[in-house]
Amino acid sequence: MRNPVIDPSQVKGWGIDADPRNDPTYPMKKRNNGEHAGYSWERPHQQSATVEVLHSNERPNVTAAFGTSTPPAGLSGMIRRSAFKYSESSYGHWLPLMLADRVGVVEGLLSDLAHGHVPNIYTEMGGKAEWKHNRTNLVAGIVVGAVLTAAAVTYLRSDRDDS
């Protein structure tokens, strides 16, 4: 689905910082208006889109440069596409994107396993660096996780014994 072209003048707050007299840092910032000379530049050449690129529905087009290494795919891609139907100022945009990130991790693990690669989760999640630079918190996290797991197992077993 293609996003409709949006007239920036109709978007509340669009270009709010364009007028130097409406600067929220005034009077704390000492202005010489020389910095505004750098605000006009020649737009870079538009990067060609060789894969699907999701962008805000508040922008009429994609930015001049964008990432193409991981186009939306699978269930996480479906979640991302639905998230981009909402404004960037709404939970309907950001919460699904965070969910899509988590779903993408699971999809990546399943893809690795399907291709015969068993991932080294400890290393890929930075376990070696944690052990080297943040050992105290790593050990504390493992202890807390073990205690919570033991408590959950104990609780679940006690329910079975009662019935």
C-alpha atoms as a PDB file:
ATOM      1  CA  MET A   1       0.000   0.000   0.000  1.00  0.00           C
ATOM      2  CA  ARG A   2       1.406   3.375  -1.014  1.00  0.00           C
ATOM      3  CA  ASN A   3       1.233   6.220   1.498  1.00  0.00           C
ATOM      4  CA  PRO A   4      -0.640   9.286   0.238  1.00  0.00           C
ATOM      5  CA  VAL A   5       1.342  12.430  -0.450  1.00  0.00           C
ATOM      6  CA  ILE A   6       0.992  14.738   2.543  1.00  0.00           C
ATOM      7  CA  ASP A   7       1.146  18.513   2.320  1.00  0.00           C
ATOM      8  CA  PRO A   8       3.681  19.539   5.022  1.00  0.00           C
ATOM      9  CA  SER A   9       1.847  22.827   5.598  1.00  0.00           C
ATOM     10  CA  GLN A  10      -1.164  20.805   6.800  1.00  0.00           C
ATOM     11  CA  VAL A  11       0.835  18.789   9.375  1.00  0.00           C
ATOM     12  CA  LYS A  12       0.620  20.349  12.825  1.00  0.00           C
ATOM     13  CA  GLY A  13       4.124  21.197  14.048  1.00  0.00           C
ATOM     14  CA  TRP A  14       5.872  20.556  10.726  1.00  0.00           C
ATOM     15  CA  GLY A  15       8.743  23.022  10.293  1.00  0.00           C
ATOM     16  CA  ILE A  16       8.155  24.525  13.723  1.00  0.00           C
ATOM     17  CA  ASP A  17      11.854  25.331  14.029  1.00  0.00           C
ATOM     18  CA  ALA A  18      12.076  27.084  10.656  1.00  0.00           C
ATOM     19  CA  ASP A  19      11.414  30.561  12.090  1.00  0.00           C
ATOM     20  CA  PRO A  20      14.424  31.726  14.160  1.00  0.00           C
ATOM     21  CA  ARG A  21      12.132  34.121  16.078  1.00  0.00           C
ATOM     22  CA  ASN A  22      10.195  31.066  17.323  1.00  0.00           C
ATOM     23  CA  ASP A  23      13.266  29.423  18.837  1.00  0.00           C
ATOM     24  CA  PRO A  24      12.608  27.682  22.167  1.00  0.00           C
ATOM     25  CA  THR A  25      16.235  28.280  23.235  1.00  0.00           C
ATOM     26  CA  TYR A  26      15.776  32.065  23.174  1.00  0.00           C
ATOM     27  CA  PRO A  27      17.062  34.017  25.178  1.00  0.00           C
ATOM     28  CA  MET A  28      19.512  31.445  26.556  1.00  0.00           C
ATOM     29  CA  LYS A  29      21.241  30.906  23.222  1.00  0.00           C
ATOM     30  CA  LYS A  30      23.179  33.828  21.812  1.00  0.00           C
ATOM     31  CA  ARG A  31      22.247  34.065  18.147  1.00  0.00           C
ATOM     32  CA  ASN A  32      24.253  35.695  15.445  1.00  0.00           C
ATOM     33  CA  ASN A  33      22.092  34.341  12.613  1.00  0.00           C
ATOM     34  CA  GLY A  34      25.250  33.159  10.843  1.00  0.00           C
ATOM     35  CA  GLU A  35      24.327  29.574  11.602  1.00  0.00           C
ATOM     36  CA  HIS A  36      21.187  29.881   9.476  1.00  0.00           C
ATOM     37  CA  ALA A  37      23.324  30.326   6.388  1.00  0.00           C
ATOM     38  CA  GLY A  38      24.185  26.636   6.621  1.00  0.00           C
ATOM     39  CA  TYR A  39      20.536  25.614   6.645  1.00  0.00           C
ATOM     40  CA  SER A  40      20.231  25.731   2.878  1.00  0.00           C
ATOM     41  CA  TRP A  41      22.026  23.034   0.928  1.00  0.00           C
ATOM     42  CA  GLU A  42      21.683  21.135  -2.257  1.00  0.00           C
ATOM     43  CA  ARG A  43      19.696  17.959  -1.741  1.00  0.00           C
ATOM     44  CA  PRO A  44      21.834  14.836  -2.271  1.00  0.00           C
ATOM     45  CA  HIS A  45      20.973  12.517  -5.145  1.00  0.00           C
ATOM     46  CA  GLN A  46      18.121  10.202  -4.291  1.00  0.00           C
ATOM     47  CA  GLN A  47      19.302   6.686  -3.482  1.00  0.00           C
ATOM     48  CA  SER A  48      17.467   4.153  -5.616  1.00  0.00           C
ATOM     49  CA  ALA A  49      15.233   1.706  -3.776  1.00  0.00           C
ATOM     50  CA  THR A  50      16.065  -1.861  -4.781  1.00  0.00           C
ATOM     51  CA  VAL A  51      14.051  -3.388  -1.911  1.00  0.00           C
ATOM     52  CA  GLU A  52      10.917  -2.378  -0.012  1.00  0.00           C
ATOM     53  CA  VAL A  53      11.686   0.602   2.229  1.00  0.00           C
ATOM     54  CA  LEU A  54       9.231   1.594   4.939  1.00  0.00           C
ATOM     55  CA  HIS A  55       8.997   5.270   5.828  1.00  0.00           C
ATOM     56  CA  SER A  56       6.838   7.529   7.938  1.00  0.00           C
ATOM     57  CA  ASN A  57       3.393   8.285   6.595  1.00  0.00           C
ATOM     58  CA  GLU A  58       4.143  11.880   7.598  1.00  0.00           C
ATOM     59  CA  ARG A  59       6.827  12.160   4.888  1.00  0.00           C
ATOM     60  CA  PRO A  60       5.911  12.427   1.227  1.00  0.00           C
ATOM     61  CA  ASN A  61       8.888  10.275   0.188  1.00  0.00           C
ATOM     62  CA  VAL A  62      11.877   8.392   1.571  1.00  0.00           C
ATOM     63  CA  THR A  63      14.966  10.216   2.829  1.00  0.00           C
ATOM     64  CA  ALA A  64      17.926  10.725   0.495  1.00  0.00           C
ATOM     65  CA  ALA A  65      19.836   7.799   2.024  1.00  0.00           C
ATOM     66  CA  PHE A  66      18.337   4.750   3.721  1.00  0.00           C
ATOM     67  CA  GLY A  67      19.271   1.233   4.754  1.00  0.00           C
ATOM     68  CA  THR A  68      18.533  -1.723   2.494  1.00  0.00           C
ATOM     69  CA  SER A  69      20.363  -4.561   4.276  1.00  0.00           C
ATOM     70  CA  THR A  70      17.275  -6.014   5.945  1.00  0.00           C
ATOM     71  CA  PRO A  71      14.043  -5.373   4.070  1.00  0.00           C
ATOM     72  CA  PRO A  72      10.822  -6.308   5.885  1.00  0.00           C
ATOM     73  CA  ALA A  73      10.077 -10.023   5.560  1.00  0.00           C
ATOM     74  CA  GLY A  74       8.036 -12.708   7.284  1.00  0.00           C
ATOM     75  CA  LEU A  75       5.801 -12.098  10.284  1.00  0.00           C
ATOM     76  CA  SER A  76       8.036  -9.287  11.575  1.00  0.00           C
ATOM     77  CA  GLY A  77       7.748  -7.572   8.186  1.00  0.00           C
ATOM     78  CA  MET A  78       3.958  -7.815   8.302  1.00  0.00           C
ATOM     79  CA  ILE A  79       3.986  -6.241  11.774  1.00  0.00           C
ATOM     80  CA  ARG A  80       6.309  -3.466  10.562  1.00  0.00           C
ATOM     81  CA  ARG A  81       4.118  -2.700   7.536  1.00  0.00           C
ATOM     82  CA  SER A  82       1.073  -2.341   9.778  1.00  0.00           C
ATOM     83  CA  ALA A  83       3.026  -0.103  12.206  1.00  0.00           C
ATOM     84  CA  PHE A  84       3.925   2.333   9.430  1.00  0.00           C
ATOM     85  CA  LYS A  85       0.235   3.014   8.797  1.00  0.00           C
ATOM     86  CA  TYR A  86       0.228   5.041  12.030  1.00  0.00           C
ATOM     87  CA  SER A  87       1.806   8.370  12.908  1.00  0.00           C
ATOM     88  CA  GLU A  88       5.214   8.378  14.565  1.00  0.00           C
ATOM     89  CA  SER A  89       3.597  10.119  17.531  1.00  0.00           C
ATOM     90  CA  SER A  90       1.341   7.182  18.379  1.00  0.00           C
ATOM     91  CA  TYR A  91       1.788   3.959  20.313  1.00  0.00           C
ATOM     92  CA  GLY A  92       0.281   2.211  17.279  1.00  0.00           C
ATOM     93  CA  HIS A  93       3.556   2.918  15.500  1.00  0.00           C
ATOM     94  CA  TRP A  94       6.246   2.256  18.121  1.00  0.00           C
ATOM     95  CA  LEU A  95       4.829  -0.690  20.081  1.00  0.00           C
ATOM     96  CA  PRO A  96       4.382  -2.865  16.978  1.00  0.00           C
ATOM     97  CA  LEU A  97       7.911  -1.955  15.859  1.00  0.00           C
ATOM     98  CA  MET A  98       9.301  -3.147  19.197  1.00  0.00           C
ATOM     99  CA  LEU A  99       7.239  -6.338  18.890  1.00  0.00           C
ATOM    100  CA  ALA A 100       8.536  -6.811  15.332  1.00  0.00           C
ATOM    101  CA  ASP A 101      12.115  -6.586  16.646  1.00  0.00           C
ATOM    102  CA  ARG A 102      11.444  -9.408  19.119  1.00  0.00           C
ATOM    103  CA  VAL A 103       9.680 -11.497  16.468  1.00  0.00           C
ATOM    104  CA  GLY A 104      12.647 -10.876  14.151  1.00  0.00           C
ATOM    105  CA  VAL A 105      15.024 -12.350  16.739  1.00  0.00           C
ATOM    106  CA  VAL A 106      12.939 -15.529  16.921  1.00  0.00           C
ATOM    107  CA  GLU A 107      12.722 -15.663  13.115  1.00  0.00           C
ATOM    108  CA  GLY A 108      16.505 -15.331  12.934  1.00  0.00           C
ATOM    109  CA  LEU A 109      17.024 -18.170  15.407  1.00  0.00           C
ATOM    110  CA  LEU A 110      14.601 -20.408  13.507  1.00  0.00           C
ATOM    111  CA  SER A 111      16.317 -19.520  10.222  1.00  0.00           C
ATOM    112  CA  ASP A 112      19.724 -20.406  11.691  1.00  0.00           C
ATOM    113  CA  LEU A 113      18.412 -23.753  12.924  1.00  0.00           C
ATOM    114  CA  ALA A 114      16.702 -24.459   9.581  1.00  0.00           C
ATOM    115  CA  HIS A 115      20.042 -23.922   7.809  1.00  0.00           C
ATOM    116  CA  GLY A 116      21.861 -26.277  10.194  1.00  0.00           C
ATOM    117  CA  HIS A 117      23.585 -23.537  12.209  1.00  0.00           C
ATOM    118  CA  VAL A 118      23.276 -23.700  15.982  1.00  0.00           C
ATOM    119  CA  PRO A 119      23.769 -20.138  17.217  1.00  0.00           C
ATOM    120  CA  ASN A 120      26.111 -19.408  20.113  1.00  0.00           C
ATOM    121  CA  ILE A 121      23.634 -17.230  21.993  1.00  0.00           C
ATOM    122  CA  TYR A 122      26.015 -16.489  24.887  1.00  0.00           C
ATOM    123  CA  THR A 123      28.639 -14.992  22.566  1.00  0.00           C
ATOM    124  CA  GLU A 124      26.171 -13.284  20.236  1.00  0.00           C
ATOM    125  CA  MET A 125      24.465 -11.577  23.180  1.00  0.00           C
ATOM    126  CA  GLY A 126      27.790 -10.210  24.434  1.00  0.00           C
ATOM    127  CA  GLY A 127      28.456 -12.719  27.212  1.00  0.00           C
ATOM    128  CA  LYS A 128      32.240 -12.531  26.870  1.00  0.00           C
ATOM    129  CA  ALA A 129      32.213  -8.738  27.078  1.00  0.00           C
ATOM    130  CA  GLU A 130      29.867  -8.830  30.080  1.00  0.00           C
ATOM    131  CA  TRP A 131      32.155 -11.302  31.851  1.00  0.00           C
ATOM    132  CA  LYS A 132      35.184  -9.126  31.141  1.00  0.00           C
ATOM    133  CA  HIS A 133      33.744  -5.665  31.847  1.00  0.00           C
ATOM    134  CA  ASN A 134      30.616  -6.115  33.991  1.00  0.00           C
ATOM    135  CA  ARG A 135      31.121  -9.356  35.905  1.00  0.00           C
ATOM    136  CA  THR A 136      29.289  -8.282  39.083  1.00  0.00           C
ATOM    137  CA  ASN A 137      26.019  -7.464  37.314  1.00  0.00           C
ATOM    138  CA  LEU A 138      26.291 -10.567  35.121  1.00  0.00           C
ATOM    139  CA  VAL A 139      26.648 -12.841  38.164  1.00  0.00           C
ATOM    140  CA  ALA A 140      23.849 -10.974  39.975  1.00  0.00           C
ATOM    141  CA  GLY A 141      21.571 -11.432  36.954  1.00  0.00           C
ATOM    142  CA  ILE A 142      22.334 -15.150  36.774  1.00  0.00           C
ATOM    143  CA  VAL A 143      21.649 -15.563  40.509  1.00  0.00           C
ATOM    144  CA  VAL A 144      18.356 -13.642  40.310  1.00  0.00           C
ATOM    145  CA  GLY A 145      17.318 -15.678  37.252  1.00  0.00           C
ATOM    146  CA  ALA A 146      18.162 -18.945  39.011  1.00  0.00           C
ATOM    147  CA  VAL A 147      16.231 -17.932  42.150  1.00  0.00           C
ATOM    148  CA  LEU A 148      13.164 -16.897  40.120  1.00  0.00           C
ATOM    149  CA  THR A 149      13.311 -20.102  38.069  1.00  0.00           C
ATOM    150  CA  ALA A 150      13.624 -22.232  41.223  1.00  0.00           C
ATOM    151  CA  ALA A 151      10.694 -20.380  42.818  1.00  0.00           C
ATOM    152  CA  ALA A 152       8.536 -20.905  39.723  1.00  0.00           C
ATOM    153  CA  VAL A 153       9.398 -24.619  39.537  1.00  0.00           C
ATOM    154  CA  THR A 154       8.708 -25.047  43.259  1.00  0.00           C
ATOM    155  CA  TYR A 155       5.376 -23.248  42.957  1.00  0.00           C
ATOM    156  CA  LEU A 156       4.276 -25.270  39.914  1.00  0.00           C
ATOM    157  CA  ARG A 157       5.256 -28.580  41.584  1.00  0.00           C
ATOM    158  CA  SER A 158       3.390 -27.680  44.766  1.00  0.00           C
ATOM    159  CA  ASP A 159       0.183 -27.165  42.713  1.00  0.00           C
ATOM    160  CA  ARG A 160       0.494 -30.681  41.278  1.00  0.00           C
ATOM    161  CA  ASP A 161       1.060 -32.212  44.714  1.00  0.00           C
ATOM    162  CA  ASP A 162      -2.139 -30.615  46.061  1.00  0.00           C
ATOM    163  CA  SER A 163      -4.389 -32.157  43.408  1.00  0.00           C
END
